[in-house]
């Protein structure tokens, strides 16, 4: 039983780490997408002006 618990614990934490990480990434991207969309429009105008002057 002890042997089975040791190997079973190793994959448990390993699989749990990628699971929460993927969830956090999806939640962060989803939240950033809506606020970035409107900000991108304004940023494009500013970037275009800046790019034109830099070019």
PDB file of N, CA and C in Angstrom:
ATOM      1  N   UNK A   1       0.845  -1.208   0.000  1.00  0.00           N
ATOM      2  CA  UNK A   1       0.000   0.000   0.000  1.00  0.00           C
ATOM      3  C   UNK A   1       0.879   1.258   0.000  1.00  0.00           C
ATOM      4  N   UNK A   2       1.968   1.174   0.735  1.00  0.00           N
ATOM      5  CA  UNK A   2       2.852   2.334   0.824  1.00  0.00           C
ATOM      6  C   UNK A   2       3.445   2.639  -0.555  1.00  0.00           C
ATOM      7  N   UNK A   3       3.864   1.583  -1.255  1.00  0.00           N
ATOM      8  CA  UNK A   3       4.463   1.749  -2.585  1.00  0.00           C
ATOM      9  C   UNK A   3       3.442   2.374  -3.542  1.00  0.00           C
ATOM     10  N   UNK A   4       2.206   1.940  -3.446  1.00  0.00           N
ATOM     11  CA  UNK A   4       1.175   2.454  -4.372  1.00  0.00           C
ATOM     12  C   UNK A   4       0.868   3.929  -4.068  1.00  0.00           C
ATOM     13  N   UNK A   5       0.961   4.290  -2.830  1.00  0.00           N
ATOM     14  CA  UNK A   5       0.648   5.687  -2.457  1.00  0.00           C
ATOM     15  C   UNK A   5       1.751   6.633  -2.970  1.00  0.00           C
ATOM     16  N   UNK A   6       2.983   6.190  -2.917  1.00  0.00           N
ATOM     17  CA  UNK A   6       4.094   7.048  -3.341  1.00  0.00           C
ATOM     18  C   UNK A   6       3.993   7.392  -4.833  1.00  0.00           C
ATOM     19  N   UNK A   7       3.865   6.412  -5.708  1.00  0.00           N
ATOM     20  CA  UNK A   7       3.784   6.694  -7.148  1.00  0.00           C
ATOM     21  C   UNK A   7       2.481   7.416  -7.512  1.00  0.00           C
ATOM     22  N   UNK A   8       1.439   7.121  -6.776  1.00  0.00           N
ATOM     23  CA  UNK A   8       0.136   7.749  -7.085  1.00  0.00           C
ATOM     24  C   UNK A   8       0.175   9.232  -6.693  1.00  0.00           C
ATOM     25  N   UNK A   9       0.938   9.552  -5.671  1.00  0.00           N
ATOM     26  CA  UNK A   9       1.000  10.956  -5.221  1.00  0.00           C
ATOM     27  C   UNK A   9       1.813  11.797  -6.216  1.00  0.00           C
ATOM     28  N   UNK A  10       2.808  11.188  -6.824  1.00  0.00           N
ATOM     29  CA  UNK A  10       3.663  11.933  -7.758  1.00  0.00           C
ATOM     30  C   UNK A  10       2.858  12.446  -8.964  1.00  0.00           C
ATOM     31  N   UNK A  11       2.086  11.594  -9.615  1.00  0.00           N
ATOM     32  CA  UNK A  11       1.304  12.026 -10.776  1.00  0.00           C
ATOM     33  C   UNK A  11       0.142  12.932 -10.361  1.00  0.00           C
ATOM     34  N   UNK A  12      -0.330  12.776  -9.140  1.00  0.00           N
ATOM     35  CA  UNK A  12      -1.476  13.592  -8.679  1.00  0.00           C
ATOM     36  C   UNK A  12      -1.118  15.081  -8.695  1.00  0.00           C
ATOM     37  N   UNK A  13      -0.050  15.462  -8.004  1.00  0.00           N
ATOM     38  CA  UNK A  13       0.344  16.877  -7.970  1.00  0.00           C
ATOM     39  C   UNK A  13       0.766  17.372  -9.356  1.00  0.00           C
ATOM     40  N   UNK A  14       1.395  16.514 -10.117  1.00  0.00           N
ATOM     41  CA  UNK A  14       1.847  16.906 -11.461  1.00  0.00           C
ATOM     42  C   UNK A  14       0.653  17.250 -12.342  1.00  0.00           C
ATOM     43  N   UNK A  15      -0.386  16.423 -12.278  1.00  0.00           N
ATOM     44  CA  UNK A  15      -1.566  16.656 -13.130  1.00  0.00           C
ATOM     45  C   UNK A  15      -2.372  17.839 -12.584  1.00  0.00           C
ATOM     46  N   UNK A  16      -2.283  18.060 -11.280  1.00  0.00           N
ATOM     47  CA  UNK A  16      -3.067  19.151 -10.672  1.00  0.00           C
ATOM     48  C   UNK A  16      -2.428  20.504 -11.033  1.00  0.00           C
ATOM     49  N   UNK A  17      -1.116  20.532 -11.174  1.00  0.00           N
ATOM     50  CA  UNK A  17      -0.426  21.795 -11.466  1.00  0.00           C
ATOM     51  C   UNK A  17      -0.854  22.339 -12.843  1.00  0.00           C
ATOM     52  N   UNK A  18      -0.820  21.518 -13.899  1.00  0.00           N
ATOM     53  CA  UNK A  18      -1.198  21.997 -15.236  1.00  0.00           C
ATOM     54  C   UNK A  18      -2.686  22.328 -15.327  1.00  0.00           C
ATOM     55  N   UNK A  19      -3.487  21.653 -14.524  1.00  0.00           N
ATOM     56  CA  UNK A  19      -4.944  21.905 -14.583  1.00  0.00           C
ATOM     57  C   UNK A  19      -5.276  23.342 -14.141  1.00  0.00           C
ATOM     58  N   UNK A  20      -4.823  23.748 -12.953  1.00  0.00           N
ATOM     59  CA  UNK A  20      -5.121  25.106 -12.482  1.00  0.00           C
ATOM     60  C   UNK A  20      -4.416  26.157 -13.341  1.00  0.00           C
ATOM     61  N   UNK A  21      -3.262  25.789 -13.853  1.00  0.00           N
ATOM     62  CA  UNK A  21      -2.509  26.766 -14.672  1.00  0.00           C
ATOM     63  C   UNK A  21      -3.295  27.038 -15.967  1.00  0.00           C
ATOM     64  N   UNK A  22      -3.853  25.994 -16.540  1.00  0.00           N
ATOM     65  CA  UNK A  22      -4.602  26.170 -17.801  1.00  0.00           C
ATOM     66  C   UNK A  22      -5.858  27.004 -17.512  1.00  0.00           C
ATOM     67  N   UNK A  23      -6.480  26.727 -16.384  1.00  0.00           N
ATOM     68  CA  UNK A  23      -7.728  27.458 -16.038  1.00  0.00           C
ATOM     69  C   UNK A  23      -7.400  28.948 -15.862  1.00  0.00           C
ATOM     70  N   UNK A  24      -6.314  29.224 -15.171  1.00  0.00           N
ATOM     71  CA  UNK A  24      -5.946  30.624 -14.919  1.00  0.00           C
ATOM     72  C   UNK A  24      -5.642  31.327 -16.244  1.00  0.00           C
ATOM     73  N   UNK A  25      -4.933  30.640 -17.136  1.00  0.00           N
ATOM     74  CA  UNK A  25      -4.597  31.241 -18.430  1.00  0.00           C
ATOM     75  C   UNK A  25      -5.853  31.537 -19.233  1.00  0.00           C
ATOM     76  N   UNK A  26      -6.788  30.603 -19.231  1.00  0.00           N
ATOM     77  CA  UNK A  26      -8.026  30.805 -20.015  1.00  0.00           C
ATOM     78  C   UNK A  26      -8.835  31.960 -19.420  1.00  0.00           C
ATOM     79  N   UNK A  27      -8.883  32.015 -18.098  1.00  0.00           N
ATOM     80  CA  UNK A  27      -9.669  33.074 -17.445  1.00  0.00           C
ATOM     81  C   UNK A  27      -9.007  34.439 -17.696  1.00  0.00           C
ATOM     82  N   UNK A  28      -7.695  34.459 -17.653  1.00  0.00           N
ATOM     83  CA  UNK A  28      -6.987  35.734 -17.844  1.00  0.00           C
ATOM     84  C   UNK A  28      -7.169  36.208 -19.296  1.00  0.00           C
ATOM     85  N   UNK A  29      -7.046  35.287 -20.231  1.00  0.00           N
ATOM     86  CA  UNK A  29      -7.179  35.666 -21.653  1.00  0.00           C
ATOM     87  C   UNK A  29      -8.609  36.153 -21.918  1.00  0.00           C
ATOM     88  N   UNK A  30      -9.558  35.462 -21.362  1.00  0.00           N
ATOM     89  CA  UNK A  30     -10.973  35.824 -21.608  1.00  0.00           C
ATOM     90  C   UNK A  30     -11.243  37.232 -21.057  1.00  0.00           C
ATOM     91  N   UNK A  31     -10.696  37.523 -19.893  1.00  0.00           N
ATOM     92  CA  UNK A  31     -10.949  38.844 -19.278  1.00  0.00           C
ATOM     93  C   UNK A  31     -10.180  39.941 -20.046  1.00  0.00           C
ATOM     94  N   UNK A  32      -9.028  39.587 -20.554  1.00  0.00           N
ATOM     95  CA  UNK A  32      -8.194  40.582 -21.255  1.00  0.00           C
ATOM     96  C   UNK A  32      -8.756  40.849 -22.655  1.00  0.00           C
ATOM     97  N   UNK A  33      -9.418  39.872 -23.223  1.00  0.00           N
ATOM     98  CA  UNK A  33      -9.931  40.036 -24.600  1.00  0.00           C
ATOM     99  C   UNK A  33     -10.958  41.168 -24.684  1.00  0.00           C
ATOM    100  N   UNK A  34     -11.986  41.188 -23.848  1.00  0.00           N
ATOM    101  CA  UNK A  34     -13.026  42.223 -23.944  1.00  0.00           C
ATOM    102  C   UNK A  34     -12.471  43.630 -23.696  1.00  0.00           C
ATOM    103  N   UNK A  35     -11.690  43.838 -22.622  1.00  0.00           N
ATOM    104  CA  UNK A  35     -11.162  45.178 -22.343  1.00  0.00           C
ATOM    105  C   UNK A  35     -10.112  45.604 -23.369  1.00  0.00           C
ATOM    106  N   UNK A  36      -9.403  44.644 -23.936  1.00  0.00           N
ATOM    107  CA  UNK A  36      -8.352  44.979 -24.923  1.00  0.00           C
ATOM    108  C   UNK A  36      -8.993  45.393 -26.254  1.00  0.00           C
ATOM    109  N   UNK A  37     -10.082  44.757 -26.609  1.00  0.00           N
ATOM    110  CA  UNK A  37     -10.741  45.062 -27.895  1.00  0.00           C
ATOM    111  C   UNK A  37     -10.996  46.565 -28.025  1.00  0.00           C
ATOM    112  N   UNK A  38     -11.681  47.176 -27.049  1.00  0.00           N
ATOM    113  CA  UNK A  38     -11.961  48.612 -27.137  1.00  0.00           C
ATOM    114  C   UNK A  38     -10.676  49.440 -27.024  1.00  0.00           C
ATOM    115  N   UNK A  39      -9.743  48.970 -26.208  1.00  0.00           N
ATOM    116  CA  UNK A  39      -8.482  49.696 -26.023  1.00  0.00           C
ATOM    117  C   UNK A  39      -7.623  49.616 -27.285  1.00  0.00           C
ATOM    118  N   UNK A  40      -7.722  48.516 -27.994  1.00  0.00           N
ATOM    119  CA  UNK A  40      -6.925  48.335 -29.219  1.00  0.00           C
ATOM    120  C   UNK A  40      -7.310  49.405 -30.243  1.00  0.00           C
ATOM    121  N   UNK A  41      -8.578  49.670 -30.356  1.00  0.00           N
ATOM    122  CA  UNK A  41      -9.025  50.688 -31.341  1.00  0.00           C
ATOM    123  C   UNK A  41      -8.342  52.025 -31.052  1.00  0.00           C
ATOM    124  N   UNK A  42      -8.352  52.423 -29.788  1.00  0.00           N
ATOM    125  CA  UNK A  42      -7.715  53.706 -29.434  1.00  0.00           C
ATOM    126  C   UNK A  42      -6.198  53.601 -29.584  1.00  0.00           C
ATOM    127  N   UNK A  43      -5.669  52.440 -29.223  1.00  0.00           N
ATOM    128  CA  UNK A  43      -4.216  52.245 -29.298  1.00  0.00           C
ATOM    129  C   UNK A  43      -3.784  52.286 -30.766  1.00  0.00           C
ATOM    130  N   UNK A  44      -4.578  51.718 -31.640  1.00  0.00           N
ATOM    131  CA  UNK A  44      -4.211  51.717 -33.072  1.00  0.00           C
ATOM    132  C   UNK A  44      -4.063  53.157 -33.567  1.00  0.00           C
ATOM    133  N   UNK A  45      -4.985  54.016 -33.184  1.00  0.00           N
ATOM    134  CA  UNK A  45      -4.906  55.420 -33.604  1.00  0.00           C
ATOM    135  C   UNK A  45      -3.602  56.042 -33.094  1.00  0.00           C
ATOM    136  N   UNK A  46      -3.304  55.799 -31.821  1.00  0.00           N
ATOM    137  CA  UNK A  46      -2.079  56.378 -31.242  1.00  0.00           C
ATOM    138  C   UNK A  46      -0.846  55.755 -31.890  1.00  0.00           C
ATOM    139  N   UNK A  47      -0.893  54.460 -32.080  1.00  0.00           N
ATOM    140  CA  UNK A  47       0.267  53.765 -32.675  1.00  0.00           C
ATOM    141  C   UNK A  47       0.470  54.267 -34.101  1.00  0.00           C
ATOM    142  N   UNK A  48      -0.588  54.428 -34.819  1.00  0.00           N
ATOM    143  CA  UNK A  48      -0.458  54.882 -36.226  1.00  0.00           C
ATOM    144  C   UNK A  48       0.203  56.262 -36.252  1.00  0.00           C
ATOM    145  N   UNK A  49      -0.221  57.125 -35.375  1.00  0.00           N
ATOM    146  CA  UNK A  49       0.388  58.468 -35.343  1.00  0.00           C
ATOM    147  C   UNK A  49       1.873  58.357 -34.993  1.00  0.00           C
ATOM    148  N   UNK A  50       2.155  57.556 -33.953  1.00  0.00           N
ATOM    149  CA  UNK A  50       3.549  57.397 -33.509  1.00  0.00           C
ATOM    150  C   UNK A  50       4.379  56.722 -34.593  1.00  0.00           C
ATOM    151  N   UNK A  51       3.831  55.702 -35.220  1.00  0.00           N
ATOM    152  CA  UNK A  51       4.578  54.976 -36.260  1.00  0.00           C
ATOM    153  C   UNK A  51       4.882  55.925 -37.419  1.00  0.00           C
ATOM    154  N   UNK A  52       3.918  56.731 -37.794  1.00  0.00           N
ATOM    155  CA  UNK A  52       4.125  57.654 -38.916  1.00  0.00           C
ATOM    156  C   UNK A  52       5.265  58.614 -38.606  1.00  0.00           C
ATOM    157  N   UNK A  53       5.270  59.146 -37.389  1.00  0.00           N
ATOM    158  CA  UNK A  53       6.335  60.098 -37.030  1.00  0.00           C
ATOM    159  C   UNK A  53       7.686  59.382 -36.966  1.00  0.00           C
ATOM    160  N   UNK A  54       7.679  58.158 -36.409  1.00  0.00           N
ATOM    161  CA  UNK A  54       8.940  57.412 -36.277  1.00  0.00           C
ATOM    162  C   UNK A  54       9.466  57.046 -37.665  1.00  0.00           C
ATOM    163  N   UNK A  55       8.567  56.633 -38.553  1.00  0.00           N
ATOM    164  CA  UNK A  55       8.989  56.215 -39.892  1.00  0.00           C
ATOM    165  C   UNK A  55       9.516  57.456 -40.606  1.00  0.00           C
TER     166      UNK A  55
END
